[in-house]
Amino acid sequence: MAVELLPMIATERRRAADLIDSLTPAQLDTPSLCGAWTVRDVAGHPVSPLVQSPWALLPLLVGAGLRPHVANARLARRRSPGELAAALRDRAEHRFRLPVVGWHGQLTGLQVHRQDIRRPLVRGPGEALLLALTGRRVVLADLTGDGVTRLAGH
């Protein structure tokens, strides 16, 4: 059963909170690896389902043209970095489970999004393979070997 992933998810939420706390305003405004999102938008992405009920999110989702990622980014911009970090830390043990991908997807998402933040800021070594496997093509230049061609083809 995937319940054993909950402590790992809590750890990743705390790590994300620590990372957010370490960023300057300029770093928060830096473009991330996630399309049009800034580092701040990515930082706030996992917070919304932890602090808002689905019913409270509905008007924002409708206002965003039923695009959850747009709604999430708007919510992230409404909170200070300290509030984002505090929400992740205070609700690290929250049992929210993503539809379709469940806890496995949530754990992977937290790990990848931390790299979506770190890599543009050149903050420590990135997990290039993890990022490449999740479609972040910008890391392909950091990889070598026969598998790079295969990753580039996806």
N, C-alpha and C. Protein backbone atom coordinates (compact mmCIF):
# COMPACT_ATOMS: atom_id res chain seq x y z
N MET A 1 0.84 -1.20 0.00
CA MET A 1 0.00 0.00 0.00
C MET A 1 0.88 1.25 0.00
N ALA A 2 0.41 2.30 -0.61
CA ALA A 2 1.21 3.51 -0.79
C ALA A 2 1.30 4.38 0.47
N VAL A 3 0.63 4.00 1.54
CA VAL A 3 0.66 4.81 2.77
C VAL A 3 2.08 4.99 3.28
N GLU A 4 2.96 4.03 3.01
CA GLU A 4 4.34 4.16 3.45
C GLU A 4 5.05 5.34 2.78
N LEU A 5 4.46 5.91 1.75
CA LEU A 5 5.04 7.08 1.08
C LEU A 5 4.80 8.38 1.86
N LEU A 6 3.82 8.38 2.76
CA LEU A 6 3.47 9.61 3.47
C LEU A 6 4.63 10.24 4.23
N PRO A 7 5.47 9.48 4.94
CA PRO A 7 6.62 10.12 5.59
C PRO A 7 7.60 10.74 4.58
N MET A 8 7.74 10.11 3.42
CA MET A 8 8.63 10.66 2.39
C MET A 8 8.05 11.95 1.80
N ILE A 9 6.74 11.97 1.61
CA ILE A 9 6.08 13.18 1.12
C ILE A 9 6.25 14.31 2.14
N ALA A 10 6.07 14.00 3.41
CA ALA A 10 6.24 15.01 4.47
C ALA A 10 7.67 15.56 4.46
N THR A 11 8.64 14.69 4.29
CA THR A 11 10.04 15.13 4.23
C THR A 11 10.27 16.05 3.03
N GLU A 12 9.71 15.70 1.88
CA GLU A 12 9.88 16.54 0.68
C GLU A 12 9.20 17.90 0.87
N ARG A 13 8.05 17.93 1.52
CA ARG A 13 7.39 19.21 1.79
C ARG A 13 8.26 20.08 2.69
N ARG A 14 8.86 19.49 3.70
CA ARG A 14 9.74 20.26 4.59
C ARG A 14 10.99 20.75 3.84
N ARG A 15 11.53 19.92 2.98
CA ARG A 15 12.69 20.34 2.18
C ARG A 15 12.31 21.50 1.27
N ALA A 16 11.13 21.42 0.67
CA ALA A 16 10.67 22.51 -0.19
C ALA A 16 10.51 23.79 0.63
N ALA A 17 9.98 23.67 1.83
CA ALA A 17 9.81 24.84 2.71
C ALA A 17 11.17 25.45 3.04
N ASP A 18 12.15 24.61 3.35
CA ASP A 18 13.50 25.12 3.64
C ASP A 18 14.09 25.84 2.43
N LEU A 19 13.86 25.28 1.25
CA LEU A 19 14.37 25.92 0.03
C LEU A 19 13.71 27.28 -0.18
N ILE A 20 12.40 27.34 -0.03
CA ILE A 20 11.67 28.61 -0.20
C ILE A 20 12.20 29.65 0.78
N ASP A 21 12.40 29.24 2.02
CA ASP A 21 12.91 30.18 3.03
C ASP A 21 14.29 30.73 2.68
N SER A 22 15.04 30.01 1.88
CA SER A 22 16.40 30.43 1.55
C SER A 22 16.49 31.37 0.36
N LEU A 23 15.36 31.62 -0.32
CA LEU A 23 15.39 32.39 -1.56
C LEU A 23 15.18 33.88 -1.33
N THR A 24 15.84 34.67 -2.17
CA THR A 24 15.67 36.12 -2.16
C THR A 24 14.48 36.49 -3.04
N PRO A 25 13.97 37.72 -2.93
CA PRO A 25 12.89 38.15 -3.83
C PRO A 25 13.27 38.02 -5.32
N ALA A 26 14.50 38.36 -5.66
CA ALA A 26 14.93 38.24 -7.06
C ALA A 26 14.92 36.78 -7.51
N GLN A 27 15.35 35.88 -6.65
CA GLN A 27 15.35 34.46 -7.00
C GLN A 27 13.92 33.95 -7.17
N LEU A 28 13.00 34.42 -6.35
CA LEU A 28 11.60 34.00 -6.47
C LEU A 28 10.99 34.45 -7.79
N ASP A 29 11.49 35.54 -8.36
CA ASP A 29 10.98 36.04 -9.64
C ASP A 29 11.68 35.42 -10.85
N THR A 30 12.64 34.55 -10.62
CA THR A 30 13.38 33.90 -11.70
C THR A 30 12.48 32.91 -12.43
N PRO A 31 12.57 32.85 -13.77
CA PRO A 31 11.82 31.83 -14.50
C PRO A 31 12.27 30.42 -14.06
N SER A 32 11.33 29.53 -13.90
CA SER A 32 11.63 28.15 -13.51
C SER A 32 11.72 27.29 -14.77
N LEU A 33 11.87 26.00 -14.59
CA LEU A 33 11.85 25.08 -15.72
C LEU A 33 10.44 24.73 -16.15
N CYS A 34 9.43 25.24 -15.45
CA CYS A 34 8.03 24.93 -15.73
C CYS A 34 7.37 26.00 -16.59
N GLY A 35 7.70 26.00 -17.85
CA GLY A 35 7.05 26.90 -18.79
C GLY A 35 7.08 28.35 -18.37
N ALA A 36 5.91 28.96 -18.23
CA ALA A 36 5.81 30.38 -17.91
C ALA A 36 5.85 30.66 -16.41
N TRP A 37 6.01 29.64 -15.59
CA TRP A 37 6.00 29.82 -14.15
C TRP A 37 7.33 30.36 -13.64
N THR A 38 7.23 31.24 -12.65
CA THR A 38 8.42 31.69 -11.94
C THR A 38 8.72 30.68 -10.83
N VAL A 39 9.86 30.87 -10.19
CA VAL A 39 10.22 30.02 -9.05
C VAL A 39 9.13 30.12 -7.98
N ARG A 40 8.62 31.31 -7.76
CA ARG A 40 7.55 31.50 -6.75
C ARG A 40 6.30 30.70 -7.11
N ASP A 41 5.92 30.71 -8.40
CA ASP A 41 4.75 29.95 -8.84
C ASP A 41 4.92 28.46 -8.56
N VAL A 42 6.11 27.94 -8.88
CA VAL A 42 6.39 26.53 -8.63
C VAL A 42 6.38 26.24 -7.14
N ALA A 43 6.95 27.15 -6.36
CA ALA A 43 6.99 26.97 -4.90
C ALA A 43 5.58 26.88 -4.32
N GLY A 44 4.65 27.63 -4.87
CA GLY A 44 3.29 27.63 -4.36
C GLY A 44 2.41 26.52 -4.90
N HIS A 45 2.88 25.87 -5.96
CA HIS A 45 2.08 24.84 -6.62
C HIS A 45 1.58 23.75 -5.67
N PRO A 46 2.40 23.17 -4.80
CA PRO A 46 1.89 22.10 -3.93
C PRO A 46 1.13 22.59 -2.70
N VAL A 47 1.03 23.90 -2.52
CA VAL A 47 0.41 24.44 -1.31
C VAL A 47 -1.12 24.47 -1.38
N SER A 48 -1.67 24.82 -2.52
CA SER A 48 -3.11 25.04 -2.64
C SER A 48 -3.97 23.92 -2.08
N PRO A 49 -3.75 22.66 -2.46
CA PRO A 49 -4.63 21.62 -1.93
C PRO A 49 -4.45 21.36 -0.44
N LEU A 50 -3.38 21.89 0.13
CA LEU A 50 -3.15 21.69 1.56
C LEU A 50 -3.86 22.73 2.41
N VAL A 51 -4.15 23.89 1.82
CA VAL A 51 -4.71 24.99 2.60
C VAL A 51 -6.11 25.43 2.16
N GLN A 52 -6.58 24.94 1.03
CA GLN A 52 -7.89 25.35 0.51
C GLN A 52 -8.76 24.11 0.34
N SER A 53 -10.02 24.25 0.62
CA SER A 53 -10.95 23.16 0.34
C SER A 53 -11.23 23.17 -1.17
N PRO A 54 -11.62 22.04 -1.73
CA PRO A 54 -11.96 22.03 -3.16
C PRO A 54 -13.03 23.04 -3.52
N TRP A 55 -13.99 23.25 -2.60
CA TRP A 55 -15.07 24.21 -2.87
C TRP A 55 -14.55 25.64 -2.91
N ALA A 56 -13.58 25.95 -2.08
CA ALA A 56 -13.01 27.29 -2.08
C ALA A 56 -12.17 27.53 -3.33
N LEU A 57 -11.62 26.46 -3.89
CA LEU A 57 -10.80 26.58 -5.10
C LEU A 57 -11.65 26.71 -6.37
N LEU A 58 -12.89 26.27 -6.30
CA LEU A 58 -13.74 26.24 -7.49
C LEU A 58 -13.88 27.60 -8.18
N PRO A 59 -14.21 28.69 -7.48
CA PRO A 59 -14.33 29.99 -8.18
C PRO A 59 -13.01 30.42 -8.84
N LEU A 60 -11.91 30.17 -8.18
CA LEU A 60 -10.62 30.52 -8.77
C LEU A 60 -10.35 29.68 -10.00
N LEU A 61 -10.70 28.41 -9.95
CA LEU A 61 -10.51 27.51 -11.08
C LEU A 61 -11.36 27.96 -12.27
N VAL A 62 -12.60 28.34 -12.01
CA VAL A 62 -13.48 28.83 -13.08
C VAL A 62 -12.90 30.12 -13.66
N GLY A 63 -12.42 31.01 -12.79
CA GLY A 63 -11.83 32.27 -13.25
C GLY A 63 -10.55 32.07 -14.05
N ALA A 64 -9.93 30.92 -13.89
CA ALA A 64 -8.70 30.60 -14.62
C ALA A 64 -9.01 29.76 -15.86
N GLY A 65 -10.27 29.75 -16.27
CA GLY A 65 -10.64 29.00 -17.46
C GLY A 65 -10.52 27.49 -17.28
N LEU A 66 -10.76 27.01 -16.07
CA LEU A 66 -10.68 25.60 -15.71
C LEU A 66 -9.28 25.02 -15.93
N ARG A 67 -8.29 25.87 -15.81
CA ARG A 67 -6.88 25.44 -15.92
C ARG A 67 -6.27 25.44 -14.52
N PRO A 68 -6.15 24.25 -13.91
CA PRO A 68 -5.68 24.19 -12.52
C PRO A 68 -4.30 24.79 -12.30
N HIS A 69 -3.42 24.67 -13.29
CA HIS A 69 -2.07 25.22 -13.11
C HIS A 69 -2.09 26.75 -13.08
N VAL A 70 -2.96 27.35 -13.86
CA VAL A 70 -3.10 28.81 -13.83
C VAL A 70 -3.68 29.24 -12.48
N ALA A 71 -4.69 28.52 -12.02
CA ALA A 71 -5.30 28.84 -10.72
C ALA A 71 -4.27 28.70 -9.60
N ASN A 72 -3.46 27.65 -9.66
CA ASN A 72 -2.43 27.43 -8.65
C ASN A 72 -1.41 28.56 -8.62
N ALA A 73 -0.98 29.00 -9.80
CA ALA A 73 -0.01 30.09 -9.86
C ALA A 73 -0.60 31.38 -9.29
N ARG A 74 -1.85 31.63 -9.57
CA ARG A 74 -2.50 32.83 -9.02
C ARG A 74 -2.57 32.76 -7.50
N LEU A 75 -2.89 31.59 -6.97
CA LEU A 75 -2.93 31.43 -5.52
C LEU A 75 -1.54 31.63 -4.91
N ALA A 76 -0.52 31.13 -5.57
CA ALA A 76 0.84 31.28 -5.06
C ALA A 76 1.23 32.74 -4.96
N ARG A 77 0.79 33.54 -5.91
CA ARG A 77 1.15 34.96 -5.92
C ARG A 77 0.42 35.75 -4.83
N ARG A 78 -0.63 35.18 -4.26
CA ARG A 78 -1.38 35.83 -3.19
C ARG A 78 -0.72 35.64 -1.82
N ARG A 79 0.22 34.71 -1.74
CA ARG A 79 0.85 34.40 -0.46
C ARG A 79 2.30 34.85 -0.46
N SER A 80 2.77 35.27 0.67
CA SER A 80 4.18 35.63 0.80
C SER A 80 5.00 34.34 0.79
N PRO A 81 6.29 34.44 0.45
CA PRO A 81 7.13 33.24 0.51
C PRO A 81 7.11 32.59 1.90
N GLY A 82 7.09 33.41 2.94
CA GLY A 82 7.02 32.87 4.29
C GLY A 82 5.74 32.07 4.53
N GLU A 83 4.63 32.56 3.97
CA GLU A 83 3.36 31.83 4.11
C GLU A 83 3.39 30.52 3.34
N LEU A 84 4.01 30.53 2.15
CA LEU A 84 4.12 29.30 1.37
C LEU A 84 4.94 28.26 2.13
N ALA A 85 6.09 28.70 2.64
CA ALA A 85 6.97 27.78 3.39
C ALA A 85 6.27 27.28 4.65
N ALA A 86 5.59 28.17 5.36
CA ALA A 86 4.90 27.77 6.59
C ALA A 86 3.79 26.76 6.30
N ALA A 87 3.07 26.98 5.20
CA ALA A 87 1.99 26.04 4.85
C ALA A 87 2.55 24.65 4.56
N LEU A 88 3.65 24.58 3.84
CA LEU A 88 4.27 23.29 3.55
C LEU A 88 4.77 22.62 4.83
N ARG A 89 5.36 23.42 5.68
CA ARG A 89 5.93 22.87 6.92
C ARG A 89 4.81 22.45 7.90
N ASP A 90 3.83 23.34 8.08
CA ASP A 90 2.75 23.08 9.04
C ASP A 90 1.85 21.93 8.61
N ARG A 91 1.76 21.72 7.31
CA ARG A 91 0.87 20.67 6.80
C ARG A 91 1.67 19.55 6.11
N ALA A 92 2.90 19.39 6.52
CA ALA A 92 3.76 18.38 5.91
C ALA A 92 3.15 16.98 6.00
N GLU A 93 2.42 16.72 7.09
CA GLU A 93 1.85 15.39 7.31
C GLU A 93 0.44 15.23 6.71
N HIS A 94 -0.04 16.26 6.03
CA HIS A 94 -1.39 16.23 5.44
C HIS A 94 -1.51 15.04 4.50
N ARG A 95 -2.65 14.38 4.53
CA ARG A 95 -2.85 13.15 3.75
C ARG A 95 -3.50 13.40 2.40
N PHE A 96 -3.44 14.63 1.90
CA PHE A 96 -4.00 14.91 0.58
C PHE A 96 -3.42 13.95 -0.45
N ARG A 97 -4.28 13.42 -1.26
CA ARG A 97 -3.87 12.47 -2.30
C ARG A 97 -4.32 12.99 -3.64
N LEU A 98 -3.38 13.19 -4.54
CA LEU A 98 -3.70 13.71 -5.86
C LEU A 98 -4.59 12.73 -6.64
N PRO A 99 -5.60 13.27 -7.34
CA PRO A 99 -6.40 12.39 -8.19
C PRO A 99 -5.51 11.77 -9.27
N VAL A 100 -5.82 10.63 -9.70
CA VAL A 100 -5.17 9.86 -10.77
C VAL A 100 -3.78 9.35 -10.36
N VAL A 101 -2.85 10.23 -9.99
CA VAL A 101 -1.47 9.81 -9.73
C VAL A 101 -1.22 9.43 -8.28
N GLY A 102 -2.11 9.78 -7.38
CA GLY A 102 -2.00 9.39 -5.98
C GLY A 102 -0.74 9.89 -5.29
N TRP A 103 -0.33 9.15 -4.28
CA TRP A 103 0.82 9.57 -3.47
C TRP A 103 2.14 9.38 -4.22
N HIS A 104 2.21 8.38 -5.09
CA HIS A 104 3.44 8.21 -5.88
C HIS A 104 3.70 9.46 -6.74
N GLY A 105 2.64 9.93 -7.39
CA GLY A 105 2.77 11.13 -8.23
C GLY A 105 3.09 12.37 -7.43
N GLN A 106 2.52 12.45 -6.24
CA GLN A 106 2.79 13.60 -5.38
C GLN A 106 4.25 13.63 -4.93
N LEU A 107 4.78 12.47 -4.54
CA LEU A 107 6.17 12.39 -4.13
C LEU A 107 7.09 12.77 -5.29
N THR A 108 6.84 12.22 -6.45
CA THR A 108 7.65 12.54 -7.63
C THR A 108 7.53 14.02 -7.98
N GLY A 109 6.31 14.53 -7.93
CA GLY A 109 6.10 15.95 -8.24
C GLY A 109 6.87 16.87 -7.32
N LEU A 110 6.85 16.58 -6.03
CA LEU A 110 7.59 17.39 -5.07
C LEU A 110 9.09 17.35 -5.36
N GLN A 111 9.62 16.17 -5.68
CA GLN A 111 11.04 16.04 -5.97
C GLN A 111 11.42 16.78 -7.25
N VAL A 112 10.60 16.62 -8.27
CA VAL A 112 10.91 17.27 -9.56
C VAL A 112 10.75 18.78 -9.45
N HIS A 113 9.70 19.25 -8.81
CA HIS A 113 9.49 20.70 -8.71
C HIS A 113 10.58 21.38 -7.88
N ARG A 114 11.14 20.67 -6.92
CA ARG A 114 12.27 21.26 -6.19
C ARG A 114 13.45 21.48 -7.15
N GLN A 115 13.62 20.58 -8.08
CA GLN A 115 14.68 20.76 -9.08
C GLN A 115 14.31 21.83 -10.10
N ASP A 116 13.01 21.95 -10.41
CA ASP A 116 12.56 23.02 -11.30
C ASP A 116 12.91 24.39 -10.73
N ILE A 117 13.00 24.46 -9.41
CA ILE A 117 13.38 25.69 -8.71
C ILE A 117 14.90 25.80 -8.64
N ARG A 118 15.55 24.75 -8.20
CA ARG A 118 17.00 24.79 -7.93
C ARG A 118 17.84 24.99 -9.19
N ARG A 119 17.49 24.28 -10.24
CA ARG A 119 18.34 24.28 -11.43
C ARG A 119 18.50 25.68 -12.04
N PRO A 120 17.43 26.44 -12.26
CA PRO A 120 17.63 27.79 -12.82
C PRO A 120 18.42 28.72 -11.90
N LEU A 121 18.43 28.40 -10.61
CA LEU A 121 19.14 29.24 -9.65
C LEU A 121 20.56 28.73 -9.41
N VAL A 122 20.92 27.65 -10.10
CA VAL A 122 22.22 27.02 -9.97
C VAL A 122 22.49 26.73 -8.49
N ARG A 123 21.53 26.07 -7.86
CA ARG A 123 21.63 25.75 -6.43
C ARG A 123 21.92 24.28 -6.26
N GLY A 124 23.16 23.93 -6.26
CA GLY A 124 23.56 22.56 -6.02
C GLY A 124 23.36 21.68 -7.24
N PRO A 125 23.76 20.41 -7.13
CA PRO A 125 23.64 19.50 -8.28
C PRO A 125 22.19 19.15 -8.54
N GLY A 126 21.82 19.19 -9.81
CA GLY A 126 20.47 18.78 -10.18
C GLY A 126 20.43 17.31 -10.53
N GLU A 127 19.30 16.73 -10.36
CA GLU A 127 19.14 15.33 -10.75
C GLU A 127 18.70 15.33 -12.21
N ALA A 128 19.70 15.48 -13.09
CA ALA A 128 19.43 15.64 -14.52
C ALA A 128 18.61 14.48 -15.08
N LEU A 129 18.90 13.28 -14.66
CA LEU A 129 18.17 12.15 -15.20
C LEU A 129 16.70 12.20 -14.78
N LEU A 130 16.44 12.48 -13.53
CA LEU A 130 15.06 12.60 -13.06
C LEU A 130 14.32 13.67 -13.85
N LEU A 131 14.97 14.79 -14.05
CA LEU A 131 14.34 15.88 -14.79
C LEU A 131 14.11 15.49 -16.24
N ALA A 132 15.07 14.82 -16.85
CA ALA A 132 14.91 14.40 -18.25
C ALA A 132 13.76 13.40 -18.39
N LEU A 133 13.64 12.50 -17.44
CA LEU A 133 12.56 11.51 -17.49
C LEU A 133 11.19 12.13 -17.33
N THR A 134 11.13 13.33 -16.76
CA THR A 134 9.84 14.01 -16.59
C THR A 134 9.66 15.13 -17.60
N GLY A 135 10.45 15.09 -18.68
CA GLY A 135 10.23 16.00 -19.81
C GLY A 135 10.96 17.32 -19.77
N ARG A 136 11.87 17.51 -18.85
CA ARG A 136 12.64 18.77 -18.80
C ARG A 136 13.85 18.62 -19.70
N ARG A 137 13.66 18.95 -20.97
CA ARG A 137 14.67 18.73 -22.01
C ARG A 137 15.92 19.58 -21.82
N VAL A 138 15.84 20.64 -21.05
CA VAL A 138 16.97 21.52 -20.85
C VAL A 138 18.16 20.79 -20.22
N VAL A 139 17.92 19.66 -19.56
CA VAL A 139 19.00 18.94 -18.88
C VAL A 139 19.71 17.93 -19.77
N LEU A 140 19.22 17.70 -20.97
CA LEU A 140 19.82 16.68 -21.83
C LEU A 140 21.30 16.93 -22.08
N ALA A 141 21.70 18.19 -22.16
CA ALA A 141 23.12 18.50 -22.38
C ALA A 141 24.00 18.06 -21.22
N ASP A 142 23.41 17.84 -20.06
CA ASP A 142 24.18 17.41 -18.89
C ASP A 142 24.35 15.89 -18.82
N LEU A 143 23.70 15.17 -19.72
CA LEU A 143 23.74 13.72 -19.70
C LEU A 143 24.62 13.18 -20.82
N THR A 144 25.18 12.01 -20.59
CA THR A 144 25.97 11.34 -21.63
C THR A 144 25.52 9.89 -21.70
N GLY A 145 25.87 9.25 -22.79
CA GLY A 145 25.56 7.83 -22.95
C GLY A 145 24.53 7.60 -24.02
N ASP A 146 24.32 6.32 -24.32
CA ASP A 146 23.40 5.93 -25.39
C ASP A 146 21.95 6.34 -25.12
N GLY A 147 21.56 6.41 -23.88
CA GLY A 147 20.19 6.72 -23.55
C GLY A 147 19.77 8.16 -23.80
N VAL A 148 20.74 9.06 -23.96
CA VAL A 148 20.40 10.47 -24.19
C VAL A 148 19.61 10.64 -25.47
N THR A 149 20.01 9.95 -26.51
CA THR A 149 19.29 10.03 -27.79
C THR A 149 17.85 9.55 -27.62
N ARG A 150 17.70 8.51 -26.85
CA ARG A 150 16.35 7.99 -26.61
C ARG A 150 15.52 8.99 -25.81
N LEU A 151 16.11 9.61 -24.78
CA LEU A 151 15.39 10.62 -24.01
C LEU A 151 15.04 11.83 -24.87
N ALA A 152 15.93 12.21 -25.75
CA ALA A 152 15.69 13.38 -26.59
C ALA A 152 14.54 13.13 -27.57
N GLY A 153 14.31 11.88 -27.91
CA GLY A 153 13.25 11.54 -28.85
C GLY A 153 11.86 11.59 -28.28
N HIS A 154 11.75 11.67 -26.96
CA HIS A 154 10.41 11.68 -26.32
C HIS A 154 9.89 13.04 -26.18
